[in-house]
Protein backbone atom coordinates (compact mmCIF):
# COMPACT_ATOMS: atom_id res chain seq x y z
CA SER A 1 49.01 53.87 107.16
CA GLY A 2 51.80 55.93 105.63
CA THR A 3 52.53 57.51 109.01
CA SER A 4 53.90 54.25 110.41
CA ARG A 5 57.17 54.55 108.50
CA SER A 6 59.25 56.95 110.53
CA ALA A 7 61.84 59.19 108.92
CA ARG A 8 63.29 59.87 112.35
CA VAL A 9 65.24 56.62 112.15
CA VAL A 10 66.41 56.57 108.53
CA ARG A 11 66.70 59.56 106.19
CA GLN A 12 67.09 58.37 102.62
CA VAL A 13 68.93 61.51 101.54
CA VAL A 14 70.61 61.97 98.20
CA GLY A 15 73.76 63.99 98.87
CA GLU A 16 73.89 66.54 101.66
CA PRO A 17 71.75 69.60 102.23
CA SER A 18 73.12 72.87 100.94
CA PRO A 19 75.56 74.59 103.33
CA ALA A 20 73.46 77.73 102.80
CA ASN A 21 70.54 76.02 104.49
CA GLN A 22 71.26 76.14 108.21
CA PHE A 23 68.56 73.62 109.02
CA GLY A 24 69.81 70.59 107.10
CA PHE A 25 68.02 67.28 107.62
CA ARG A 26 67.27 67.01 111.30
CA SER A 27 64.89 65.01 113.47
CA ALA A 28 63.37 68.04 115.23
CA PRO A 29 61.72 70.51 112.84
CA THR A 30 62.38 74.21 113.23
CA LYS A 31 59.61 76.75 112.84
CA LEU A 32 60.45 79.45 110.33
CA SER A 33 60.98 82.83 111.95
CA VAL A 34 61.88 86.35 110.90
CA GLU A 35 65.52 85.51 111.63
CA SER A 36 65.61 82.26 109.67
CA THR A 37 63.56 82.82 106.50
CA GLN A 38 66.39 84.31 104.43
CA SER A 39 68.72 81.40 105.19
CA PHE A 40 65.92 79.02 104.28
CA LEU A 41 65.24 80.75 100.95
CA ASP A 42 68.95 80.98 100.12
CA GLY A 43 69.19 77.19 100.36
CA VAL A 44 66.39 76.46 97.90
CA ASP A 45 66.34 76.82 94.10
CA ILE A 46 63.12 74.92 93.34
CA PHE A 47 59.93 74.67 95.36
CA ILE A 48 57.43 71.87 94.84
CA PHE A 49 54.07 72.95 96.23
CA ASP A 50 51.12 70.80 97.09
CA CYS A 51 47.87 72.64 96.29
CA ASP A 52 45.00 71.69 98.62
CA GLY A 53 45.76 73.16 102.03
CA VAL A 54 48.83 75.03 100.76
CA ILE A 55 47.65 77.26 97.91
CA TRP A 56 43.91 76.98 98.44
CA ARG A 57 41.29 75.33 100.62
CA GLY A 58 38.35 74.03 98.61
CA ASP A 59 37.72 76.78 96.09
CA SER A 60 39.12 79.58 98.26
CA LEU A 61 42.62 80.98 97.84
CA ILE A 62 44.57 81.12 101.09
CA PRO A 63 44.98 84.88 101.72
CA GLY A 64 48.34 86.32 100.69
CA VAL A 65 49.48 83.30 98.64
CA ASP A 66 49.31 85.22 95.34
CA LYS A 67 51.72 87.86 96.63
CA THR A 68 54.07 85.23 98.11
CA LEU A 69 54.29 83.32 94.81
CA GLU A 70 55.07 86.55 92.97
CA LYS A 71 57.84 87.37 95.47
CA LEU A 72 59.34 83.91 94.94
CA ARG A 73 59.37 84.45 91.17
CA GLN A 74 61.02 87.83 91.65
CA ALA A 75 63.64 86.12 93.83
CA GLY A 76 64.46 83.80 90.91
CA LYS A 77 62.93 80.67 92.40
CA LYS A 78 61.42 78.00 90.18
CA PHE A 79 58.40 76.08 91.37
CA PHE A 80 56.05 73.30 90.44
CA PHE A 81 52.62 72.40 91.75
CA VAL A 82 52.29 68.69 92.42
CA THR A 83 48.87 67.64 93.67
CA ASN A 84 47.48 64.23 94.59
CA ASN A 85 44.00 65.35 93.58
CA SER A 86 43.06 63.49 90.38
CA THR A 87 39.66 65.07 89.75
CA LYS A 88 41.13 67.57 87.29
CA SER A 89 43.62 67.27 84.44
CA ARG A 90 46.48 69.73 84.08
CA LYS A 91 44.21 71.78 81.82
CA GLY A 92 41.52 71.75 84.50
CA TYR A 93 43.99 72.85 87.16
CA LYS A 94 45.22 75.65 84.92
CA SER A 95 41.62 76.92 84.80
CA LYS A 96 41.42 76.76 88.60
CA PHE A 97 44.65 78.71 89.02
CA ASP A 98 43.33 81.29 86.56
CA SER A 99 40.02 81.58 88.41
CA LEU A 100 41.90 82.32 91.63
CA GLY A 101 43.98 85.02 89.93
CA LEU A 102 47.22 83.05 89.96
CA ASN A 103 49.55 83.32 86.98
CA VAL A 104 50.83 79.77 86.61
CA ASN A 105 52.38 78.15 83.53
CA PRO A 106 50.69 74.87 82.49
CA ASP A 107 54.13 73.20 82.50
CA GLU A 108 54.38 73.94 86.22
CA ILE A 109 51.33 71.82 87.07
CA PHE A 110 51.50 68.08 87.83
CA SER A 111 48.41 66.25 89.06
CA SER A 112 48.04 62.59 90.00
CA SER A 113 45.68 62.21 87.03
CA PHE A 114 48.62 63.18 84.83
CA ALA A 115 50.90 60.83 86.78
CA ALA A 116 48.53 57.94 86.10
CA ALA A 117 48.53 58.67 82.36
CA ALA A 118 52.32 59.19 82.32
CA TYR A 119 52.75 55.82 84.04
CA MET A 120 50.57 54.13 81.40
CA GLU A 121 52.62 55.79 78.68
CA GLN A 122 55.98 54.83 80.21
CA THR A 123 54.91 51.20 80.66
CA LYS A 124 53.64 51.12 77.04
CA PHE A 125 50.15 50.07 78.10
CA LYS A 126 48.67 51.19 74.78
CA GLU A 127 50.71 48.53 72.98
CA THR A 128 48.95 45.77 74.92
CA GLY A 129 45.67 46.57 73.15
CA LYS A 130 43.90 46.57 76.51
CA LYS A 131 41.53 49.13 78.03
CA VAL A 132 41.42 50.99 81.35
CA TYR A 133 38.44 51.05 83.70
CA VAL A 134 38.32 54.25 85.74
CA ILE A 135 36.89 54.93 89.16
CA GLY A 136 37.36 58.68 89.29
CA GLU A 137 36.39 61.93 87.64
CA LYS A 138 37.10 63.61 84.32
CA GLY A 139 40.71 64.54 85.07
CA ILE A 140 41.93 60.97 84.64
CA GLY A 141 40.06 60.47 81.37
CA GLU A 142 41.29 63.76 79.93
CA GLU A 143 44.89 62.80 80.64
CA LEU A 144 44.47 59.26 79.26
CA ASP A 145 43.04 60.76 76.06
CA LEU A 146 46.24 62.76 75.61
CA VAL A 147 48.32 59.56 75.52
CA ASP A 148 45.75 57.67 73.41
CA VAL A 149 44.95 55.05 76.05
CA PRO A 150 41.37 53.73 75.67
CA TRP A 151 39.28 53.95 78.83
CA PHE A 152 35.70 53.90 80.10
CA GLY A 153 33.78 54.17 83.36
CA ALA A 154 34.24 57.23 85.58
CA GLU A 155 31.40 59.76 85.26
CA ALA A 156 29.59 57.68 82.62
CA ASP A 157 28.92 55.05 85.31
CA ALA A 158 27.76 57.51 87.96
CA ASP A 159 24.10 56.48 87.77
CA LYS A 160 24.52 52.78 87.09
CA THR A 161 23.19 50.31 89.63
CA ALA A 162 24.13 46.70 90.31
CA PRO A 163 21.32 44.19 89.57
CA LEU A 164 20.92 42.88 93.11
CA LYS A 165 18.19 40.34 92.42
CA PRO A 166 18.09 36.56 91.89
CA GLY A 167 20.42 35.70 89.03
CA GLY A 168 21.67 39.27 88.86
CA LYS A 169 25.24 39.85 87.74
CA VAL A 170 27.47 42.59 86.34
CA GLU A 171 29.02 41.70 83.00
CA HIS A 172 32.57 43.02 82.70
CA ASP A 173 34.96 43.51 79.78
CA ALA A 174 37.66 40.83 79.63
CA ASP A 175 39.90 43.27 77.72
CA VAL A 176 40.35 45.61 80.71
CA GLY A 177 44.05 45.47 81.55
CA ALA A 178 44.13 48.11 84.27
CA VAL A 179 41.84 49.74 86.82
CA ILE A 180 42.75 53.27 87.88
CA VAL A 181 41.22 54.42 91.15
CA GLY A 182 41.06 58.16 91.78
CA PHE A 183 38.86 60.34 93.93
CA ASP A 184 35.24 59.95 92.80
CA ARG A 185 32.33 61.94 94.24
CA ASN A 186 30.01 59.57 92.38
CA VAL A 187 31.50 56.29 93.52
CA ASN A 188 28.87 53.56 93.81
CA TYR A 189 28.49 49.84 94.31
CA TYR A 190 28.31 49.18 90.54
CA LYS A 191 31.73 50.76 90.00
CA ILE A 192 33.28 48.83 92.87
CA GLN A 193 31.82 45.56 91.60
CA TYR A 194 32.92 46.23 88.01
CA ALA A 195 36.45 47.13 89.10
CA GLN A 196 36.85 44.12 91.37
CA LEU A 197 35.70 41.78 88.59
CA CYS A 198 38.37 43.22 86.29
CA ILE A 199 41.14 42.97 88.90
CA ASN A 200 40.13 39.55 90.22
CA GLU A 201 39.14 37.82 86.97
CA ASN A 202 41.17 39.41 84.15
CA PRO A 203 44.67 37.86 84.13
CA GLY A 204 47.38 40.46 84.75
CA CYS A 205 44.95 43.35 85.30
CA GLN A 206 46.76 46.18 87.07
CA PHE A 207 45.37 48.00 90.12
CA ILE A 208 46.60 51.61 90.05
CA ALA A 209 45.88 54.30 92.65
CA THR A 210 46.35 58.00 92.02
CA ASN A 211 46.78 58.60 95.77
CA LEU A 212 45.98 57.26 99.22
CA ASP A 213 44.94 60.52 100.90
CA GLU A 214 42.68 59.88 103.89
CA VAL A 215 40.86 63.22 103.69
CA THR A 216 40.54 66.05 101.19
CA HIS A 217 39.28 69.65 100.98
CA LEU A 218 36.05 69.74 98.99
CA THR A 219 34.95 72.85 100.85
CA ASP A 220 36.69 75.19 103.27
CA ALA A 221 34.21 74.25 106.03
CA GLN A 222 35.41 70.74 106.90
CA GLU A 223 37.54 67.78 105.82
CA TRP A 224 35.97 65.13 103.56
CA ALA A 225 36.79 61.46 103.03
CA GLY A 226 39.56 61.21 100.44
CA ASN A 227 40.66 58.73 97.81
CA GLY A 228 42.01 56.45 100.51
CA SER A 229 38.40 55.42 101.10
CA MET A 230 37.92 54.38 97.46
CA VAL A 231 41.26 52.59 97.26
CA GLY A 232 40.47 50.93 100.58
CA ALA A 233 37.26 49.51 99.16
CA MET A 234 39.17 47.97 96.26
CA ARG A 235 41.88 46.60 98.54
CA GLY A 236 39.18 45.01 100.65
CA CYS A 237 37.50 43.15 97.81
CA THR A 238 40.64 42.15 95.89
CA GLY A 239 43.19 41.56 98.65
CA LYS A 240 45.71 43.35 96.44
CA GLU A 241 47.89 46.42 96.94
CA PRO A 242 47.74 49.14 94.28
CA ARG A 243 50.57 50.60 92.24
CA LEU A 244 50.70 54.14 93.63
CA VAL A 245 51.62 56.95 91.22
CA GLY A 246 50.95 59.99 93.42
CA LYS A 247 52.85 61.24 96.47
CA PRO A 248 54.75 59.87 98.36
CA ASP A 249 55.73 57.50 95.53
CA PRO A 250 58.89 58.77 93.74
CA PHE A 251 57.31 58.52 90.28
CA MET A 252 56.63 62.26 89.91
CA ILE A 253 60.02 63.50 91.17
CA LYS A 254 61.76 61.12 88.78
CA TYR A 255 59.59 62.44 85.96
CA LEU A 256 60.48 66.05 86.84
CA GLU A 257 64.19 65.21 87.00
CA GLU A 258 64.17 63.61 83.58
CA LYS A 259 61.99 66.23 81.91
CA TYR A 260 63.81 69.29 83.27
CA GLY A 261 67.31 67.90 83.79
CA ILE A 262 67.36 68.79 87.49
CA PRO A 263 70.99 68.25 88.57
CA SER A 264 70.48 67.82 92.30
CA ARG A 265 67.59 67.13 94.65
CA LYS A 266 69.22 68.73 97.68
CA ARG A 267 68.20 72.29 96.68
CA ILE A 268 64.59 71.33 96.04
CA CYS A 269 62.05 71.87 98.83
CA MET A 270 58.74 70.03 99.05
CA VAL A 271 56.08 72.22 100.68
CA GLY A 272 52.90 70.52 101.81
CA ASP A 273 50.29 70.18 104.53
CA ARG A 274 50.35 66.38 104.90
CA LEU A 275 52.99 64.52 106.86
CA ASN A 276 52.33 61.08 105.39
CA THR A 277 52.28 62.14 101.72
CA ASP A 278 53.92 65.52 101.11
CA ILE A 279 56.59 65.36 103.80
CA ARG A 280 57.26 61.66 103.22
CA PHE A 281 57.59 62.46 99.51
CA GLY A 282 60.23 65.07 100.35
CA VAL A 283 62.16 63.11 102.95
CA GLU A 284 62.20 59.74 101.18
CA ASN A 285 63.26 61.30 97.89
CA GLY A 286 66.15 63.35 99.27
CA LEU A 287 64.47 66.75 99.12
CA GLN A 288 64.25 69.44 101.75
CA SER A 289 60.79 69.58 103.30
CA CYS A 290 58.56 72.27 104.75
CA LEU A 291 55.24 71.55 106.46
CA VAL A 292 52.58 74.25 106.47
CA LEU A 293 49.81 74.27 109.06
CA SER A 294 47.25 75.79 106.68
CA GLY A 295 45.80 72.37 105.78
CA VAL A 296 45.12 69.06 107.49
CA THR A 297 48.05 68.79 109.92
CA LYS A 298 47.76 70.16 113.45
CA PRO A 299 50.82 71.41 115.42
CA GLU A 300 50.47 68.72 118.10
CA GLN A 301 51.02 66.02 115.45
CA LEU A 302 54.67 67.07 115.27
CA ASN A 303 55.10 65.47 118.71
CA ASP A 304 54.21 62.01 117.40
CA PRO A 305 57.39 59.87 117.45
CA ASN A 306 56.11 57.70 114.57
CA ILE A 307 55.64 60.41 111.96
CA THR A 308 57.85 61.57 109.12
CA LEU A 309 59.15 64.93 110.31
CA PRO A 310 59.82 67.94 108.06
CA ASP A 311 62.99 70.01 108.19
CA VAL A 312 61.04 73.18 108.90
CA TYR A 313 57.42 74.18 109.38
CA ALA A 314 55.38 77.36 109.08
CA ASP A 315 51.83 78.56 109.57
CA ASP A 316 51.52 79.02 105.79
CA ILE A 317 53.77 79.90 102.87
CA ASN A 318 53.39 83.62 103.58
CA ASP A 319 55.87 83.00 106.43
CA PHE A 320 58.58 82.66 103.77
CA PHE A 321 58.65 86.46 103.73
CA SER A 322 57.61 87.19 107.29
């Protein structure tokens, strides 16, 4: 579990926190209050927001978030939305932001489906002449199409069944050079079998995970099993660890730094609802971190000595202007 690596012992901080931020990097998080919000905002130039549990829950906008984002823009803050959810591409997420009445630039959106495709592009996978097999939904395929990486599987295999009868076998493509595992509401035994054949039998086949989230928000009524369950199935039948491209892996912050020429990480704040992905992503990559309690994390979890602790926490991002 990602929560076993405690940031209370070692903070891998790049530089020092801004003097304008009174909180710094400390082991005991401070809850934002009326007295402290201005100092907090003064110490941050760029916010990186998770989406599920921070901006929305399921398909419902968290009340007040639209006004808070507008206030941040008016205050001259830049922000990006970095989500581990791979079910949509950046284009798909832009449509979701639009449907919720949020004015967000497509360049401000980074999903783990995009991260998977960007990783394939950076490692020059296309030049190998190999294909990708996808456990996941259309977001991954849409992003792979944009970098001209051939792929198959995903939703096209939703109704396929494994021939579980005498002599039955699943034939797999020997030219698959990578399996990408993202959240898949139509995951089935055929997909798991196909993917494990590729990883176990195709020499050098990569095992790539968009994220390891234990639970996700499919509706606003309850938590649902996340991509960690799909990745866990593949770990179990291959005995291999995946190459992670979503949070808390540093891949996306490095991409943002290079693309936008960000001079310093110490005035960037990661805002998320998950301690073992969002807050770890912030702490281990030298960012400031703010936990919001509008998603999966409960207040009592901040008392766990084995967790990665944020610098500050709040009920939701509306507390930035409380």
